[in-house]
Amino acid sequence: MGGLGPGIGGFEILVIGLVALLVVGPKDLPMLMRKVGQFVGKARGMANEFRASFDEMARQSELDDLRKEVEALRSGQGMYALGADAD
């Protein structure tokens, strides 16, 4: 089941490696693989940053909603104000 991502398994990786070996040659293949590894690392880092910022925005939105609910309860409006926000 090992692979790089969805739809890319071990056999596909082997075929890609063989094609790269034929196209680039054995002399330049290590340099190419190093650059590919660096690119994949940067792409994963950017994806992780995006995911973290998206999660932070979701948490912030949830906190804002909770603050509104608490303020509505404190102001004495109770559940009536909360029901009006849901509409």
PDB file of N, CA and C in Angstrom:
ATOM      1  N   MET A   1       0.818  -1.196   0.000  1.00  0.00           N
ATOM      2  CA  MET A   1       0.000   0.000   0.000  1.00  0.00           C
ATOM      3  C   MET A   1       0.856   1.252   0.000  1.00  0.00           C
ATOM      4  N   GLY A   2       2.165   1.140   0.184  1.00  0.00           N
ATOM      5  CA  GLY A   2       3.017   2.315   0.277  1.00  0.00           C
ATOM      6  C   GLY A   2       3.048   3.102  -1.003  1.00  0.00           C
ATOM      7  N   GLY A   3       3.159   4.389  -0.857  1.00  0.00           N
ATOM      8  CA  GLY A   3       3.210   5.255  -2.022  1.00  0.00           C
ATOM      9  C   GLY A   3       3.345   6.699  -1.589  1.00  0.00           C
ATOM     10  N   LEU A   4       3.443   7.558  -2.566  1.00  0.00           N
ATOM     11  CA  LEU A   4       3.609   8.973  -2.278  1.00  0.00           C
ATOM     12  C   LEU A   4       2.300   9.691  -2.037  1.00  0.00           C
ATOM     13  N   GLY A   5       1.267   9.253  -2.638  1.00  0.00           N
ATOM     14  CA  GLY A   5      -0.002   9.948  -2.498  1.00  0.00           C
ATOM     15  C   GLY A   5      -1.120   9.089  -3.026  1.00  0.00           C
ATOM     16  N   PRO A   6      -2.291   9.679  -3.111  1.00  0.00           N
ATOM     17  CA  PRO A   6      -3.421   8.904  -3.613  1.00  0.00           C
ATOM     18  C   PRO A   6      -3.230   8.539  -5.079  1.00  0.00           C
ATOM     19  N   GLY A   7      -3.347   7.264  -5.372  1.00  0.00           N
ATOM     20  CA  GLY A   7      -3.247   6.815  -6.755  1.00  0.00           C
ATOM     21  C   GLY A   7      -1.836   6.535  -7.225  1.00  0.00           C
ATOM     22  N   ILE A   8      -0.838   6.754  -6.382  1.00  0.00           N
ATOM     23  CA  ILE A   8       0.547   6.480  -6.775  1.00  0.00           C
ATOM     24  C   ILE A   8       1.075   5.396  -5.850  1.00  0.00           C
ATOM     25  N   GLY A   9       1.273   4.211  -6.396  1.00  0.00           N
ATOM     26  CA  GLY A   9       1.747   3.087  -5.610  1.00  0.00           C
ATOM     27  C   GLY A   9       3.194   2.762  -5.913  1.00  0.00           C
ATOM     28  N   GLY A  10       3.635   1.642  -5.407  1.00  0.00           N
ATOM     29  CA  GLY A  10       5.022   1.224  -5.577  1.00  0.00           C
ATOM     30  C   GLY A  10       5.411   0.982  -7.021  1.00  0.00           C
ATOM     31  N   PHE A  11       4.529   0.359  -7.785  1.00  0.00           N
ATOM     32  CA  PHE A  11       4.844   0.079  -9.185  1.00  0.00           C
ATOM     33  C   PHE A  11       4.990   1.367  -9.987  1.00  0.00           C
ATOM     34  N   GLU A  12       4.114   2.327  -9.743  1.00  0.00           N
ATOM     35  CA  GLU A  12       4.190   3.595 -10.457  1.00  0.00           C
ATOM     36  C   GLU A  12       5.484   4.337 -10.131  1.00  0.00           C
ATOM     37  N   ILE A  13       5.886   4.285  -8.871  1.00  0.00           N
ATOM     38  CA  ILE A  13       7.137   4.933  -8.471  1.00  0.00           C
ATOM     39  C   ILE A  13       8.316   4.273  -9.178  1.00  0.00           C
ATOM     40  N   LEU A  14       8.292   2.952  -9.275  1.00  0.00           N
ATOM     41  CA  LEU A  14       9.353   2.226  -9.968  1.00  0.00           C
ATOM     42  C   LEU A  14       9.425   2.630 -11.437  1.00  0.00           C
ATOM     43  N   VAL A  15       8.286   2.724 -12.099  1.00  0.00           N
ATOM     44  CA  VAL A  15       8.256   3.122 -13.512  1.00  0.00           C
ATOM     45  C   VAL A  15       8.782   4.543 -13.680  1.00  0.00           C
ATOM     46  N   ILE A  16       8.363   5.453 -12.806  1.00  0.00           N
ATOM     47  CA  ILE A  16       8.846   6.835 -12.881  1.00  0.00           C
ATOM     48  C   ILE A  16      10.356   6.877 -12.685  1.00  0.00           C
ATOM     49  N   GLY A  17      10.860   6.087 -11.735  1.00  0.00           N
ATOM     50  CA  GLY A  17      12.304   6.041 -11.506  1.00  0.00           C
ATOM     51  C   GLY A  17      13.070   5.517 -12.703  1.00  0.00           C
ATOM     52  N   LEU A  18      12.564   4.475 -13.337  1.00  0.00           N
ATOM     53  CA  LEU A  18      13.232   3.927 -14.522  1.00  0.00           C
ATOM     54  C   LEU A  18      13.223   4.913 -15.686  1.00  0.00           C
ATOM     55  N   VAL A  19      12.105   5.590 -15.895  1.00  0.00           N
ATOM     56  CA  VAL A  19      12.036   6.595 -16.966  1.00  0.00           C
ATOM     57  C   VAL A  19      13.001   7.735 -16.674  1.00  0.00           C
ATOM     58  N   ALA A  20      13.056   8.173 -15.417  1.00  0.00           N
ATOM     59  CA  ALA A  20      13.991   9.238 -15.050  1.00  0.00           C
ATOM     60  C   ALA A  20      15.428   8.794 -15.281  1.00  0.00           C
ATOM     61  N   LEU A  21      15.741   7.554 -14.960  1.00  0.00           N
ATOM     62  CA  LEU A  21      17.087   7.029 -15.179  1.00  0.00           C
ATOM     63  C   LEU A  21      17.435   7.036 -16.659  1.00  0.00           C
ATOM     64  N   LEU A  22      16.489   6.654 -17.504  1.00  0.00           N
ATOM     65  CA  LEU A  22      16.737   6.635 -18.946  1.00  0.00           C
ATOM     66  C   LEU A  22      16.856   8.043 -19.523  1.00  0.00           C
ATOM     67  N   VAL A  23      16.034   8.969 -19.064  1.00  0.00           N
ATOM     68  CA  VAL A  23      16.033  10.325 -19.619  1.00  0.00           C
ATOM     69  C   VAL A  23      17.223  11.130 -19.111  1.00  0.00           C
ATOM     70  N   VAL A  24      17.459  11.106 -17.814  1.00  0.00           N
ATOM     71  CA  VAL A  24      18.504  11.939 -17.213  1.00  0.00           C
ATOM     72  C   VAL A  24      19.862  11.259 -17.267  1.00  0.00           C
ATOM     73  N   GLY A  25      19.879   9.979 -17.055  1.00  0.00           N
ATOM     74  CA  GLY A  25      21.141   9.248 -17.024  1.00  0.00           C
ATOM     75  C   GLY A  25      21.598   9.025 -15.597  1.00  0.00           C
ATOM     76  N   PRO A  26      22.434   8.016 -15.399  1.00  0.00           N
ATOM     77  CA  PRO A  26      22.858   7.665 -14.038  1.00  0.00           C
ATOM     78  C   PRO A  26      23.751   8.725 -13.395  1.00  0.00           C
ATOM     79  N   LYS A  27      24.429   9.522 -14.201  1.00  0.00           N
ATOM     80  CA  LYS A  27      25.352  10.526 -13.663  1.00  0.00           C
ATOM     81  C   LYS A  27      24.599  11.668 -12.974  1.00  0.00           C
ATOM     82  N   ASP A  28      23.539  12.149 -13.601  1.00  0.00           N
ATOM     83  CA  ASP A  28      22.809  13.299 -13.071  1.00  0.00           C
ATOM     84  C   ASP A  28      21.593  12.916 -12.234  1.00  0.00           C
ATOM     85  N   LEU A  29      21.291  11.641 -12.136  1.00  0.00           N
ATOM     86  CA  LEU A  29      20.103  11.209 -11.398  1.00  0.00           C
ATOM     87  C   LEU A  29      20.149  11.584  -9.912  1.00  0.00           C
ATOM     88  N   PRO A  30      21.274  11.422  -9.198  1.00  0.00           N
ATOM     89  CA  PRO A  30      21.281  11.817  -7.778  1.00  0.00           C
ATOM     90  C   PRO A  30      20.975  13.302  -7.570  1.00  0.00           C
ATOM     91  N   MET A  31      21.519  14.157  -8.442  1.00  0.00           N
ATOM     92  CA  MET A  31      21.253  15.588  -8.330  1.00  0.00           C
ATOM     93  C   MET A  31      19.768  15.876  -8.575  1.00  0.00           C
ATOM     94  N   LEU A  32      19.194  15.215  -9.583  1.00  0.00           N
ATOM     95  CA  LEU A  32      17.777  15.398  -9.886  1.00  0.00           C
ATOM     96  C   LEU A  32      16.916  14.939  -8.715  1.00  0.00           C
ATOM     97  N   MET A  33      17.236  13.792  -8.148  1.00  0.00           N
ATOM     98  CA  MET A  33      16.458  13.273  -7.022  1.00  0.00           C
ATOM     99  C   MET A  33      16.563  14.197  -5.808  1.00  0.00           C
ATOM    100  N   ARG A  34      17.734  14.775  -5.584  1.00  0.00           N
ATOM    101  CA  ARG A  34      17.918  15.714  -4.483  1.00  0.00           C
ATOM    102  C   ARG A  34      17.022  16.936  -4.679  1.00  0.00           C
ATOM    103  N   LYS A  35      16.996  17.460  -5.908  1.00  0.00           N
ATOM    104  CA  LYS A  35      16.160  18.631  -6.193  1.00  0.00           C
ATOM    105  C   LYS A  35      14.678  18.292  -6.070  1.00  0.00           C
ATOM    106  N   VAL A  36      14.301  17.108  -6.531  1.00  0.00           N
ATOM    107  CA  VAL A  36      12.903  16.681  -6.393  1.00  0.00           C
ATOM    108  C   VAL A  36      12.548  16.569  -4.911  1.00  0.00           C
ATOM    109  N   GLY A  37      13.451  16.019  -4.120  1.00  0.00           N
ATOM    110  CA  GLY A  37      13.213  15.905  -2.680  1.00  0.00           C
ATOM    111  C   GLY A  37      13.060  17.261  -2.011  1.00  0.00           C
ATOM    112  N   GLN A  38      13.894  18.221  -2.408  1.00  0.00           N
ATOM    113  CA  GLN A  38      13.779  19.567  -1.860  1.00  0.00           C
ATOM    114  C   GLN A  38      12.442  20.198  -2.240  1.00  0.00           C
ATOM    115  N   PHE A  39      12.039  19.999  -3.496  1.00  0.00           N
ATOM    116  CA  PHE A  39      10.762  20.543  -3.950  1.00  0.00           C
ATOM    117  C   PHE A  39       9.597  19.931  -3.180  1.00  0.00           C
ATOM    118  N   VAL A  40       9.637  18.618  -3.003  1.00  0.00           N
ATOM    119  CA  VAL A  40       8.566  17.937  -2.263  1.00  0.00           C
ATOM    120  C   VAL A  40       8.536  18.432  -0.818  1.00  0.00           C
ATOM    121  N   GLY A  41       9.705  18.624  -0.221  1.00  0.00           N
ATOM    122  CA  GLY A  41       9.764  19.141   1.145  1.00  0.00           C
ATOM    123  C   GLY A  41       9.163  20.530   1.260  1.00  0.00           C
ATOM    124  N   LYS A  42       9.488  21.400   0.300  1.00  0.00           N
ATOM    125  CA  LYS A  42       8.920  22.751   0.317  1.00  0.00           C
ATOM    126  C   LYS A  42       7.411  22.709   0.108  1.00  0.00           C
ATOM    127  N   ALA A  43       6.957  21.851  -0.798  1.00  0.00           N
ATOM    128  CA  ALA A  43       5.517  21.744  -1.061  1.00  0.00           C
ATOM    129  C   ALA A  43       4.781  21.245   0.179  1.00  0.00           C
ATOM    130  N   ARG A  44       5.350  20.267   0.865  1.00  0.00           N
ATOM    131  CA  ARG A  44       4.722  19.767   2.090  1.00  0.00           C
ATOM    132  C   ARG A  44       4.695  20.849   3.159  1.00  0.00           C
ATOM    133  N   GLY A  45       5.789  21.608   3.266  1.00  0.00           N
ATOM    134  CA  GLY A  45       5.831  22.697   4.242  1.00  0.00           C
ATOM    135  C   GLY A  45       4.762  23.744   3.971  1.00  0.00           C
ATOM    136  N   MET A  46       4.606  24.110   2.697  1.00  0.00           N
ATOM    137  CA  MET A  46       3.578  25.088   2.342  1.00  0.00           C
ATOM    138  C   MET A  46       2.187  24.537   2.618  1.00  0.00           C
ATOM    139  N   ALA A  47       1.972  23.259   2.327  1.00  0.00           N
ATOM    140  CA  ALA A  47       0.667  22.646   2.595  1.00  0.00           C
ATOM    141  C   ALA A  47       0.382  22.627   4.094  1.00  0.00           C
ATOM    142  N   ASN A  48       1.397  22.328   4.898  1.00  0.00           N
ATOM    143  CA  ASN A  48       1.214  22.321   6.350  1.00  0.00           C
ATOM    144  C   ASN A  48       0.910  23.721   6.873  1.00  0.00           C
ATOM    145  N   GLU A  49       1.598  24.741   6.335  1.00  0.00           N
ATOM    146  CA  GLU A  49       1.321  26.121   6.742  1.00  0.00           C
ATOM    147  C   GLU A  49      -0.106  26.511   6.385  1.00  0.00           C
ATOM    148  N   PHE A  50      -0.538  26.154   5.175  1.00  0.00           N
ATOM    149  CA  PHE A  50      -1.896  26.472   4.744  1.00  0.00           C
ATOM    150  C   PHE A  50      -2.911  25.797   5.649  1.00  0.00           C
ATOM    151  N   ARG A  51      -2.682  24.524   5.938  1.00  0.00           N
ATOM    152  CA  ARG A  51      -3.599  23.773   6.795  1.00  0.00           C
ATOM    153  C   ARG A  51      -3.647  24.383   8.191  1.00  0.00           C
ATOM    154  N   ALA A  52      -2.486  24.768   8.727  1.00  0.00           N
ATOM    155  CA  ALA A  52      -2.444  25.355  10.065  1.00  0.00           C
ATOM    156  C   ALA A  52      -3.178  26.691  10.099  1.00  0.00           C
ATOM    157  N   SER A  53      -2.993  27.524   9.077  1.00  0.00           N
ATOM    158  CA  SER A  53      -3.685  28.812   9.065  1.00  0.00           C
ATOM    159  C   SER A  53      -5.187  28.619   8.881  1.00  0.00           C
ATOM    160  N   PHE A  54      -5.579  27.657   8.074  1.00  0.00           N
ATOM    161  CA  PHE A  54      -7.007  27.370   7.898  1.00  0.00           C
ATOM    162  C   PHE A  54      -7.616  26.883   9.208  1.00  0.00           C
ATOM    163  N   ASP A  55      -6.919  25.990   9.914  1.00  0.00           N
ATOM    164  CA  ASP A  55      -7.403  25.499  11.203  1.00  0.00           C
ATOM    165  C   ASP A  55      -7.513  26.639  12.213  1.00  0.00           C
ATOM    166  N   GLU A  56      -6.541  27.549  12.190  1.00  0.00           N
ATOM    167  CA  GLU A  56      -6.565  28.693  13.104  1.00  0.00           C
ATOM    168  C   GLU A  56      -7.764  29.592  12.809  1.00  0.00           C
ATOM    169  N   MET A  57      -8.057  29.824  11.535  1.00  0.00           N
ATOM    170  CA  MET A  57      -9.225  30.636  11.180  1.00  0.00           C
ATOM    171  C   MET A  57     -10.512  29.960  11.641  1.00  0.00           C
ATOM    172  N   ALA A  58     -10.591  28.645  11.511  1.00  0.00           N
ATOM    173  CA  ALA A  58     -11.778  27.913  11.955  1.00  0.00           C
ATOM    174  C   ALA A  58     -11.932  28.014  13.468  1.00  0.00           C
ATOM    175  N   ARG A  59     -10.823  27.867  14.194  1.00  0.00           N
ATOM    176  CA  ARG A  59     -10.878  27.986  15.655  1.00  0.00           C
ATOM    177  C   ARG A  59     -11.304  29.391  16.063  1.00  0.00           C
ATOM    178  N   GLN A  60     -10.757  30.394  15.372  1.00  0.00           N
ATOM    179  CA  GLN A  60     -11.098  31.776  15.694  1.00  0.00           C
ATOM    180  C   GLN A  60     -12.581  32.041  15.444  1.00  0.00           C
ATOM    181  N   SER A  61     -13.105  31.500  14.367  1.00  0.00           N
ATOM    182  CA  SER A  61     -14.527  31.666  14.061  1.00  0.00           C
ATOM    183  C   SER A  61     -15.392  31.016  15.132  1.00  0.00           C
ATOM    184  N   GLU A  62     -14.994  29.837  15.574  1.00  0.00           N
ATOM    185  CA  GLU A  62     -15.737  29.158  16.633  1.00  0.00           C
ATOM    186  C   GLU A  62     -15.682  29.953  17.929  1.00  0.00           C
ATOM    187  N   LEU A  63     -14.512  30.534  18.239  1.00  0.00           N
ATOM    188  CA  LEU A  63     -14.391  31.345  19.446  1.00  0.00           C
ATOM    189  C   LEU A  63     -15.269  32.583  19.357  1.00  0.00           C
ATOM    190  N   ASP A  64     -15.320  33.213  18.192  1.00  0.00           N
ATOM    191  CA  ASP A  64     -16.173  34.389  18.017  1.00  0.00           C
ATOM    192  C   ASP A  64     -17.637  34.034  18.243  1.00  0.00           C
ATOM    193  N   ASP A  65     -18.062  32.888  17.711  1.00  0.00           N
ATOM    194  CA  ASP A  65     -19.445  32.448  17.912  1.00  0.00           C
ATOM    195  C   ASP A  65     -19.731  32.190  19.389  1.00  0.00           C
ATOM    196  N   LEU A  66     -18.784  31.563  20.075  1.00  0.00           N
ATOM    197  CA  LEU A  66     -18.969  31.300  21.506  1.00  0.00           C
ATOM    198  C   LEU A  66     -19.024  32.601  22.298  1.00  0.00           C
ATOM    199  N   ARG A  67     -18.190  33.573  21.929  1.00  0.00           N
ATOM    200  CA  ARG A  67     -18.215  34.869  22.619  1.00  0.00           C
ATOM    201  C   ARG A  67     -19.574  35.547  22.447  1.00  0.00           C
ATOM    202  N   LYS A  68     -20.128  35.480  21.255  1.00  0.00           N
ATOM    203  CA  LYS A  68     -21.447  36.073  21.011  1.00  0.00           C
ATOM    204  C   LYS A  68     -22.505  35.394  21.873  1.00  0.00           C
ATOM    205  N   GLU A  69     -22.427  34.073  21.974  1.00  0.00           N
ATOM    206  CA  GLU A  69     -23.392  33.341  22.793  1.00  0.00           C
ATOM    207  C   GLU A  69     -23.267  33.723  24.259  1.00  0.00           C
ATOM    208  N   VAL A  70     -22.035  33.829  24.754  1.00  0.00           N
ATOM    209  CA  VAL A  70     -21.816  34.190  26.155  1.00  0.00           C
ATOM    210  C   VAL A  70     -22.316  35.601  26.410  1.00  0.00           C
ATOM    211  N   GLU A  71     -22.032  36.529  25.518  1.00  0.00           N
ATOM    212  CA  GLU A  71     -22.500  37.905  25.689  1.00  0.00           C
ATOM    213  C   GLU A  71     -24.021  37.974  25.668  1.00  0.00           C
ATOM    214  N   ALA A  72     -24.651  37.190  24.807  1.00  0.00           N
ATOM    215  CA  ALA A  72     -26.115  37.172  24.759  1.00  0.00           C
ATOM    216  C   ALA A  72     -26.686  36.637  26.061  1.00  0.00           C
ATOM    217  N   LEU A  73     -26.057  35.617  26.614  1.00  0.00           N
ATOM    218  CA  LEU A  73     -26.527  35.061  27.883  1.00  0.00           C
ATOM    219  C   LEU A  73     -26.291  36.037  29.029  1.00  0.00           C
ATOM    220  N   ARG A  74     -25.161  36.743  29.014  1.00  0.00           N
ATOM    221  CA  ARG A  74     -24.849  37.706  30.071  1.00  0.00           C
ATOM    222  C   ARG A  74     -25.777  38.915  30.020  1.00  0.00           C
ATOM    223  N   SER A  75     -26.155  39.326  28.843  1.00  0.00           N
ATOM    224  CA  SER A  75     -26.988  40.524  28.717  1.00  0.00           C
ATOM    225  C   SER A  75     -28.435  40.256  29.107  1.00  0.00           C
ATOM    226  N   GLY A  76     -28.760  39.016  29.399  1.00  0.00           N
ATOM    227  CA  GLY A  76     -30.098  38.690  29.845  1.00  0.00           C
ATOM    228  C   GLY A  76     -31.044  38.344  28.717  1.00  0.00           C
ATOM    229  N   GLN A  77     -30.576  38.395  27.515  1.00  0.00           N
ATOM    230  CA  GLN A  77     -31.434  38.069  26.392  1.00  0.00           C
ATOM    231  C   GLN A  77     -31.633  36.567  26.289  1.00  0.00           C
ATOM    232  N   GLY A  78     -30.701  35.838  26.835  1.00  0.00           N
ATOM    233  CA  GLY A  78     -30.825  34.392  26.905  1.00  0.00           C
ATOM    234  C   GLY A  78     -30.926  33.722  25.554  1.00  0.00           C
ATOM    235  N   MET A  79     -31.738  32.709  25.497  1.00  0.00           N
ATOM    236  CA  MET A  79     -31.842  31.878  24.303  1.00  0.00           C
ATOM    237  C   MET A  79     -32.582  32.570  23.167  1.00  0.00           C
ATOM    238  N   TYR A  80     -33.350  33.623  23.469  1.00  0.00           N
ATOM    239  CA  TYR A  80     -34.074  34.311  22.396  1.00  0.00           C
ATOM    240  C   TYR A  80     -33.101  34.951  21.412  1.00  0.00           C
ATOM    241  N   ALA A  81     -32.039  35.567  21.928  1.00  0.00           N
ATOM    242  CA  ALA A  81     -31.047  36.197  21.052  1.00  0.00           C
ATOM    243  C   ALA A  81     -30.292  35.145  20.263  1.00  0.00           C
ATOM    244  N   LEU A  82     -30.030  34.020  20.881  1.00  0.00           N
ATOM    245  CA  LEU A  82     -29.311  32.962  20.179  1.00  0.00           C
ATOM    246  C   LEU A  82     -30.153  32.395  19.050  1.00  0.00           C
ATOM    247  N   GLY A  83     -31.451  32.260  19.265  1.00  0.00           N
ATOM    248  CA  GLY A  83     -32.337  31.752  18.228  1.00  0.00           C
ATOM    249  C   GLY A  83     -32.451  32.712  17.063  1.00  0.00           C
ATOM    250  N   ALA A  84     -32.389  34.001  17.324  1.00  0.00           N
ATOM    251  CA  ALA A  84     -32.466  34.993  16.248  1.00  0.00           C
ATOM    252  C   ALA A  84     -31.221  34.950  15.387  1.00  0.00           C
ATOM    253  N   ASP A  85     -30.066  34.669  15.988  1.00  0.00           N
ATOM    254  CA  ASP A  85     -28.823  34.569  15.215  1.00  0.00           C
ATOM    255  C   ASP A  85     -28.833  33.362  14.300  1.00  0.00           C
ATOM    256  N   ALA A  86     -29.526  32.302  14.689  1.00  0.00           N
ATOM    257  CA  ALA A  86     -29.532  31.075  13.896  1.00  0.00           C
ATOM    258  C   ALA A  86     -30.327  31.236  12.613  1.00  0.00           C
ATOM    259  N   ASP A  87     -31.279  32.180  12.586  1.00  0.00           N
ATOM    260  CA  ASP A  87     -32.096  32.383  11.381  1.00  0.00           C
ATOM    261  C   ASP A  87     -31.340  33.105  10.371  1.00  0.00           C
TER     262      ASP A  87
END
